[in-house]
Amino acid sequence: MTSIETITLEVADPVAAERFYTAFGVAARLRLRASQEPTTGFRGFTLSLLVSQPADVHALIDAAVEAGATTLKPAAKSLWGHGGVVQAPDGTIWKVATSAKKDTGPATRQIDDMVLLLGVADVAASKRFYLDQGFIVAKSFGRMYVEFAGGSGPVKLALYRRRALAKDAGVSPEGTGSHRIALGGAAGPGPDPDGFTWEATSIAAMP
């Protein structure tokens, strides 16, 4: 079964980005490299951190904001649980969420799962592409949303319609230029139907 083995964020200042992601608590889950590729507006993806309780949502959101992130959606209760959205100084959008309504203890900032959501033009077409690459569907809601099984990789992959994903993140769906992200795994090398770049794991793993 295919899975995402690495996520590389392309940033203008890797040193500053490393400081931010260390303070946020996710540096060990990412690779960073310098890039000056032009990019404007929504980059077509978000990264979600799933935690066990509301206290951890607030702790992680607060840590990100204190480190320089911009709040797109404050952490708050909703019908489905608790969550908030921030944008890192490098432009990456992060959502922190839990399905729990109440805390069961003090915040630990422990992350249970990390999900990469790609905003795509045609969910069915992108789903076919990833099935052909060896991914296995875990959840599917027609032409709206698809989530793949995580396999051995540290990050789960999901597909969402681009406009719906932008709305969920609290930003305009408009955007041009580089996605500023590269995915490492057996699906590489090459782009997917929406231009997200896959690299062979051995290449992506190089410092």
C-alpha atoms as a PDB file:
ATOM      1  CA  MET A   1       0.000   0.000   0.000  1.00  0.00           C
ATOM      2  CA  THR A   2       1.344   3.424  -0.977  1.00  0.00           C
ATOM      3  CA  SER A   3       1.603   6.197   1.600  1.00  0.00           C
ATOM      4  CA  ILE A   4       3.194   9.595   2.172  1.00  0.00           C
ATOM      5  CA  GLU A   5       6.640   9.080   3.675  1.00  0.00           C
ATOM      6  CA  THR A   6       7.801  12.710   3.847  1.00  0.00           C
ATOM      7  CA  ILE A   7       6.426  16.218   3.487  1.00  0.00           C
ATOM      8  CA  THR A   8       8.787  18.963   2.374  1.00  0.00           C
ATOM      9  CA  LEU A   9       7.696  22.579   2.713  1.00  0.00           C
ATOM     10  CA  GLU A  10       9.456  25.031   0.421  1.00  0.00           C
ATOM     11  CA  VAL A  11      10.034  28.271   2.315  1.00  0.00           C
ATOM     12  CA  ALA A  12      11.783  31.584   1.756  1.00  0.00           C
ATOM     13  CA  ASP A  13      13.746  31.348   5.025  1.00  0.00           C
ATOM     14  CA  PRO A  14      14.432  27.794   6.260  1.00  0.00           C
ATOM     15  CA  VAL A  15      16.085  28.986   9.487  1.00  0.00           C
ATOM     16  CA  ALA A  16      13.086  31.097  10.482  1.00  0.00           C
ATOM     17  CA  ALA A  17      10.716  28.309   9.449  1.00  0.00           C
ATOM     18  CA  GLU A  18      12.639  25.799  11.578  1.00  0.00           C
ATOM     19  CA  ARG A  19      12.294  28.091  14.604  1.00  0.00           C
ATOM     20  CA  PHE A  20       8.559  28.446  14.029  1.00  0.00           C
ATOM     21  CA  TYR A  21       7.859  24.744  13.534  1.00  0.00           C
ATOM     22  CA  THR A  22       9.974  23.819  16.554  1.00  0.00           C
ATOM     23  CA  ALA A  23       7.908  26.193  18.709  1.00  0.00           C
ATOM     24  CA  PHE A  24       4.696  24.862  17.136  1.00  0.00           C
ATOM     25  CA  GLY A  25       5.764  21.302  17.918  1.00  0.00           C
ATOM     26  CA  VAL A  26       5.778  19.775  14.428  1.00  0.00           C
ATOM     27  CA  ALA A  27       9.377  20.272  13.244  1.00  0.00           C
ATOM     28  CA  ALA A  28      10.137  16.553  13.495  1.00  0.00           C
ATOM     29  CA  ARG A  29       7.258  15.781  11.108  1.00  0.00           C
ATOM     30  CA  LEU A  30       8.481  18.047   8.295  1.00  0.00           C
ATOM     31  CA  ARG A  31      11.366  18.718   5.963  1.00  0.00           C
ATOM     32  CA  LEU A  32      12.171  22.284   4.949  1.00  0.00           C
ATOM     33  CA  ARG A  33      14.088  23.654   2.003  1.00  0.00           C
ATOM     34  CA  ALA A  34      14.673  27.064   0.501  1.00  0.00           C
ATOM     35  CA  SER A  35      12.586  28.199  -2.444  1.00  0.00           C
ATOM     36  CA  GLN A  36      11.916  31.496  -4.156  1.00  0.00           C
ATOM     37  CA  GLU A  37       9.270  30.074  -6.486  1.00  0.00           C
ATOM     38  CA  PRO A  38       6.518  32.684  -6.945  1.00  0.00           C
ATOM     39  CA  THR A  39       3.252  31.951  -5.177  1.00  0.00           C
ATOM     40  CA  THR A  40       0.206  34.058  -4.352  1.00  0.00           C
ATOM     41  CA  GLY A  41      -2.993  33.442  -2.414  1.00  0.00           C
ATOM     42  CA  PHE A  42      -4.260  29.981  -1.499  1.00  0.00           C
ATOM     43  CA  ARG A  43      -1.695  27.283  -2.248  1.00  0.00           C
ATOM     44  CA  GLY A  44      -4.307  24.567  -2.612  1.00  0.00           C
ATOM     45  CA  PHE A  45      -3.612  22.509   0.507  1.00  0.00           C
ATOM     46  CA  THR A  46      -3.882  22.511   4.281  1.00  0.00           C
ATOM     47  CA  LEU A  47      -2.265  20.413   6.982  1.00  0.00           C
ATOM     48  CA  SER A  48      -4.441  19.197   9.843  1.00  0.00           C
ATOM     49  CA  LEU A  49      -3.338  18.106  13.296  1.00  0.00           C
ATOM     50  CA  LEU A  50      -5.799  15.844  15.083  1.00  0.00           C
ATOM     51  CA  VAL A  51      -5.639  15.815  18.882  1.00  0.00           C
ATOM     52  CA  SER A  52      -7.587  14.172  21.696  1.00  0.00           C
ATOM     53  CA  GLN A  53      -9.189  17.123  23.492  1.00  0.00           C
ATOM     54  CA  PRO A  54      -9.999  20.861  23.270  1.00  0.00           C
ATOM     55  CA  ALA A  55      -7.182  21.810  25.667  1.00  0.00           C
ATOM     56  CA  ASP A  56      -4.635  20.527  23.158  1.00  0.00           C
ATOM     57  CA  VAL A  57      -6.293  22.467  20.332  1.00  0.00           C
ATOM     58  CA  HIS A  58      -5.906  25.684  22.310  1.00  0.00           C
ATOM     59  CA  ALA A  59      -2.361  24.839  23.432  1.00  0.00           C
ATOM     60  CA  LEU A  60      -1.135  24.208  19.882  1.00  0.00           C
ATOM     61  CA  ILE A  61      -2.984  27.178  18.377  1.00  0.00           C
ATOM     62  CA  ASP A  62      -1.615  29.454  21.126  1.00  0.00           C
ATOM     63  CA  ALA A  63       1.921  28.139  20.554  1.00  0.00           C
ATOM     64  CA  ALA A  64       1.656  28.819  16.818  1.00  0.00           C
ATOM     65  CA  VAL A  65       0.348  32.361  17.306  1.00  0.00           C
ATOM     66  CA  GLU A  66       3.014  33.152  19.903  1.00  0.00           C
ATOM     67  CA  ALA A  67       5.636  31.947  17.397  1.00  0.00           C
ATOM     68  CA  GLY A  68       4.324  34.274  14.681  1.00  0.00           C
ATOM     69  CA  ALA A  69       1.351  32.551  13.008  1.00  0.00           C
ATOM     70  CA  THR A  70      -1.725  34.468  11.867  1.00  0.00           C
ATOM     71  CA  THR A  71      -5.131  33.368  13.145  1.00  0.00           C
ATOM     72  CA  LEU A  72      -7.549  32.508  10.330  1.00  0.00           C
ATOM     73  CA  LYS A  73     -10.194  30.900  12.565  1.00  0.00           C
ATOM     74  CA  PRO A  74      -9.879  31.144  16.358  1.00  0.00           C
ATOM     75  CA  ALA A  75     -10.062  27.879  18.278  1.00  0.00           C
ATOM     76  CA  ALA A  76     -13.714  27.357  19.146  1.00  0.00           C
ATOM     77  CA  LYS A  77     -16.427  24.783  19.819  1.00  0.00           C
ATOM     78  CA  SER A  78     -18.507  23.575  16.889  1.00  0.00           C
ATOM     79  CA  LEU A  79     -21.145  20.946  16.184  1.00  0.00           C
ATOM     80  CA  TRP A  80     -18.479  18.358  15.323  1.00  0.00           C
ATOM     81  CA  GLY A  81     -15.996  19.131  18.110  1.00  0.00           C
ATOM     82  CA  HIS A  82     -13.403  21.840  18.609  1.00  0.00           C
ATOM     83  CA  GLY A  83     -10.910  23.413  16.233  1.00  0.00           C
ATOM     84  CA  GLY A  84      -9.046  26.416  14.883  1.00  0.00           C
ATOM     85  CA  VAL A  85      -6.974  27.440  11.849  1.00  0.00           C
ATOM     86  CA  VAL A  86      -3.715  29.395  11.630  1.00  0.00           C
ATOM     87  CA  GLN A  87      -1.353  30.402   8.848  1.00  0.00           C
ATOM     88  CA  ALA A  88       2.372  29.958   9.446  1.00  0.00           C
ATOM     89  CA  PRO A  89       4.771  32.811   8.598  1.00  0.00           C
ATOM     90  CA  ASP A  90       5.856  30.830   5.496  1.00  0.00           C
ATOM     91  CA  GLY A  91       2.228  30.768   4.268  1.00  0.00           C
ATOM     92  CA  THR A  92       1.297  27.166   5.100  1.00  0.00           C
ATOM     93  CA  ILE A  93      -2.210  26.785   6.530  1.00  0.00           C
ATOM     94  CA  TRP A  94      -2.646  24.560   9.591  1.00  0.00           C
ATOM     95  CA  LYS A  95      -5.859  23.312  11.181  1.00  0.00           C
ATOM     96  CA  VAL A  96      -5.870  21.869  14.702  1.00  0.00           C
ATOM     97  CA  ALA A  97      -8.978  19.910  15.650  1.00  0.00           C
ATOM     98  CA  THR A  98     -10.563  17.304  17.912  1.00  0.00           C
ATOM     99  CA  SER A  99     -13.906  15.517  17.833  1.00  0.00           C
ATOM    100  CA  ALA A 100     -14.051  15.636  21.643  1.00  0.00           C
ATOM    101  CA  LYS A 101     -16.341  18.185  23.276  1.00  0.00           C
ATOM    102  CA  LYS A 102     -14.750  18.093  26.749  1.00  0.00           C
ATOM    103  CA  ASP A 103     -11.263  17.827  28.226  1.00  0.00           C
ATOM    104  CA  THR A 104     -10.208  14.684  30.038  1.00  0.00           C
ATOM    105  CA  GLY A 105      -7.049  16.171  31.554  1.00  0.00           C
ATOM    106  CA  PRO A 106      -4.428  18.916  31.191  1.00  0.00           C
ATOM    107  CA  ALA A 107      -3.089  19.782  27.751  1.00  0.00           C
ATOM    108  CA  THR A 108      -0.212  17.604  26.551  1.00  0.00           C
ATOM    109  CA  ARG A 109       0.136  19.026  22.998  1.00  0.00           C
ATOM    110  CA  GLN A 110       0.293  15.420  21.797  1.00  0.00           C
ATOM    111  CA  ILE A 111      -0.637  15.023  18.115  1.00  0.00           C
ATOM    112  CA  ASP A 112      -2.574  11.851  17.324  1.00  0.00           C
ATOM    113  CA  ASP A 113      -2.699  12.187  13.527  1.00  0.00           C
ATOM    114  CA  MET A 114      -1.522  14.529  10.792  1.00  0.00           C
ATOM    115  CA  VAL A 115      -3.547  14.820   7.595  1.00  0.00           C
ATOM    116  CA  LEU A 116      -2.581  16.513   4.341  1.00  0.00           C
ATOM    117  CA  LEU A 117      -5.685  17.769   2.536  1.00  0.00           C
ATOM    118  CA  LEU A 118      -5.221  18.584  -1.133  1.00  0.00           C
ATOM    119  CA  GLY A 119      -7.703  20.980  -2.711  1.00  0.00           C
ATOM    120  CA  VAL A 120      -8.454  19.473  -6.118  1.00  0.00           C
ATOM    121  CA  ALA A 121     -10.431  20.481  -9.189  1.00  0.00           C
ATOM    122  CA  ASP A 122     -12.012  17.059  -9.714  1.00  0.00           C
ATOM    123  CA  VAL A 123     -12.144  14.719  -6.713  1.00  0.00           C
ATOM    124  CA  ALA A 124     -13.095  11.691  -8.834  1.00  0.00           C
ATOM    125  CA  ALA A 125     -10.197  12.197 -11.258  1.00  0.00           C
ATOM    126  CA  SER A 126      -7.664  12.738  -8.481  1.00  0.00           C
ATOM    127  CA  LYS A 127      -9.043   9.709  -6.631  1.00  0.00           C
ATOM    128  CA  ARG A 128      -8.434   7.555  -9.732  1.00  0.00           C
ATOM    129  CA  PHE A 129      -4.881   8.878  -9.993  1.00  0.00           C
ATOM    130  CA  TYR A 130      -4.066   7.948  -6.415  1.00  0.00           C
ATOM    131  CA  LEU A 131      -5.736   4.562  -6.651  1.00  0.00           C
ATOM    132  CA  ASP A 132      -3.518   3.863  -9.660  1.00  0.00           C
ATOM    133  CA  GLN A 133      -0.505   4.808  -7.515  1.00  0.00           C
ATOM    134  CA  GLY A 134      -1.393   2.172  -4.928  1.00  0.00           C
ATOM    135  CA  PHE A 135      -3.294   4.193  -2.346  1.00  0.00           C
ATOM    136  CA  ILE A 136      -6.273   2.554  -0.609  1.00  0.00           C
ATOM    137  CA  VAL A 137      -9.466   4.475   0.143  1.00  0.00           C
ATOM    138  CA  ALA A 138     -10.453   4.625   3.822  1.00  0.00           C
ATOM    139  CA  LYS A 139     -13.411   7.027   3.471  1.00  0.00           C
ATOM    140  CA  SER A 140     -15.192   8.446   0.445  1.00  0.00           C
ATOM    141  CA  PHE A 141     -18.066  10.899   0.114  1.00  0.00           C
ATOM    142  CA  GLY A 142     -18.822  11.030  -3.599  1.00  0.00           C
ATOM    143  CA  ARG A 143     -17.217  13.921  -5.438  1.00  0.00           C
ATOM    144  CA  MET A 144     -16.719  15.946  -2.248  1.00  0.00           C
ATOM    145  CA  TYR A 145     -14.099  14.203  -0.125  1.00  0.00           C
ATOM    146  CA  VAL A 146     -11.799  11.161  -0.148  1.00  0.00           C
ATOM    147  CA  GLU A 147      -9.483   9.991   2.619  1.00  0.00           C
ATOM    148  CA  PHE A 148      -6.832   7.347   2.026  1.00  0.00           C
ATOM    149  CA  ALA A 149      -5.475   4.829   4.531  1.00  0.00           C
ATOM    150  CA  GLY A 150      -2.296   6.034   6.194  1.00  0.00           C
ATOM    151  CA  GLY A 151      -0.268   2.867   5.766  1.00  0.00           C
ATOM    152  CA  SER A 152       3.239   3.018   7.193  1.00  0.00           C
ATOM    153  CA  GLY A 153       3.620   6.736   6.550  1.00  0.00           C
ATOM    154  CA  PRO A 154       3.403   9.429   9.250  1.00  0.00           C
ATOM    155  CA  VAL A 155       0.821  11.480   7.333  1.00  0.00           C
ATOM    156  CA  LYS A 156      -2.600  10.612   5.957  1.00  0.00           C
ATOM    157  CA  LEU A 157      -3.671  11.926   2.553  1.00  0.00           C
ATOM    158  CA  ALA A 158      -7.129  13.310   1.774  1.00  0.00           C
ATOM    159  CA  LEU A 159      -8.732  15.044  -1.209  1.00  0.00           C
ATOM    160  CA  TYR A 160     -11.272  17.860  -0.933  1.00  0.00           C
ATOM    161  CA  ARG A 161     -12.753  20.190  -3.523  1.00  0.00           C
ATOM    162  CA  ARG A 162     -10.527  23.260  -3.713  1.00  0.00           C
ATOM    163  CA  ARG A 163     -13.246  25.818  -2.965  1.00  0.00           C
ATOM    164  CA  ALA A 164     -14.605  23.764  -0.074  1.00  0.00           C
ATOM    165  CA  LEU A 165     -11.119  23.391   1.404  1.00  0.00           C
ATOM    166  CA  ALA A 166     -10.442  27.127   1.135  1.00  0.00           C
ATOM    167  CA  LYS A 167     -13.783  27.868   2.818  1.00  0.00           C
ATOM    168  CA  ASP A 168     -12.954  25.447   5.630  1.00  0.00           C
ATOM    169  CA  ALA A 169      -9.618  27.218   6.100  1.00  0.00           C
ATOM    170  CA  GLY A 170     -11.212  30.666   6.064  1.00  0.00           C
ATOM    171  CA  VAL A 171      -9.431  31.986   2.957  1.00  0.00           C
ATOM    172  CA  SER A 172     -10.247  32.864  -0.652  1.00  0.00           C
ATOM    173  CA  PRO A 173      -9.814  29.932  -3.065  1.00  0.00           C
ATOM    174  CA  GLU A 174      -7.907  32.130  -5.514  1.00  0.00           C
ATOM    175  CA  GLY A 175      -4.189  31.514  -5.838  1.00  0.00           C
ATOM    176  CA  THR A 176      -1.452  31.120  -8.434  1.00  0.00           C
ATOM    177  CA  GLY A 177       2.108  29.862  -8.705  1.00  0.00           C
ATOM    178  CA  SER A 178       3.910  27.163  -6.764  1.00  0.00           C
ATOM    179  CA  HIS A 179       2.141  25.013  -4.175  1.00  0.00           C
ATOM    180  CA  ARG A 180       5.424  25.228  -2.199  1.00  0.00           C
ATOM    181  CA  ILE A 181       5.134  21.609  -1.054  1.00  0.00           C
ATOM    182  CA  ALA A 182       6.677  18.314  -2.197  1.00  0.00           C
ATOM    183  CA  LEU A 183       5.523  14.844  -1.173  1.00  0.00           C
ATOM    184  CA  GLY A 184       7.858  11.900  -0.773  1.00  0.00           C
ATOM    185  CA  GLY A 185       6.774   8.335  -1.436  1.00  0.00           C
ATOM    186  CA  ALA A 186       6.360   5.567  -3.968  1.00  0.00           C
ATOM    187  CA  ALA A 187       3.927   7.673  -6.025  1.00  0.00           C
ATOM    188  CA  GLY A 188       6.830   9.803  -7.248  1.00  0.00           C
ATOM    189  CA  PRO A 189       8.453  11.241  -9.142  1.00  0.00           C
ATOM    190  CA  GLY A 190       6.158  13.624 -10.966  1.00  0.00           C
ATOM    191  CA  PRO A 191       3.049  15.779 -10.501  1.00  0.00           C
ATOM    192  CA  ASP A 192      -0.506  14.686  -9.721  1.00  0.00           C
ATOM    193  CA  PRO A 193      -3.496  16.058 -11.726  1.00  0.00           C
ATOM    194  CA  ASP A 194      -3.475  19.301  -9.699  1.00  0.00           C
ATOM    195  CA  GLY A 195       0.258  19.899  -9.940  1.00  0.00           C
ATOM    196  CA  PHE A 196       1.288  18.652  -6.496  1.00  0.00           C
ATOM    197  CA  THR A 197       4.808  17.281  -6.851  1.00  0.00           C
ATOM    198  CA  TRP A 198       5.798  13.800  -5.739  1.00  0.00           C
ATOM    199  CA  GLU A 199       9.427  12.857  -5.271  1.00  0.00           C
ATOM    200  CA  ALA A 200      10.940   9.411  -4.801  1.00  0.00           C
ATOM    201  CA  THR A 201      11.420   8.832  -1.066  1.00  0.00           C
ATOM    202  CA  SER A 202      15.176   8.428  -1.384  1.00  0.00           C
ATOM    203  CA  ILE A 203      15.385  11.855  -3.049  1.00  0.00           C
ATOM    204  CA  ALA A 204      13.003  13.527  -0.628  1.00  0.00           C
ATOM    205  CA  ALA A 205      14.921  12.118   2.323  1.00  0.00           C
ATOM    206  CA  MET A 206      18.201  13.760   1.312  1.00  0.00           C
ATOM    207  CA  PRO A 207      19.238  16.702   3.546  1.00  0.00           C
END
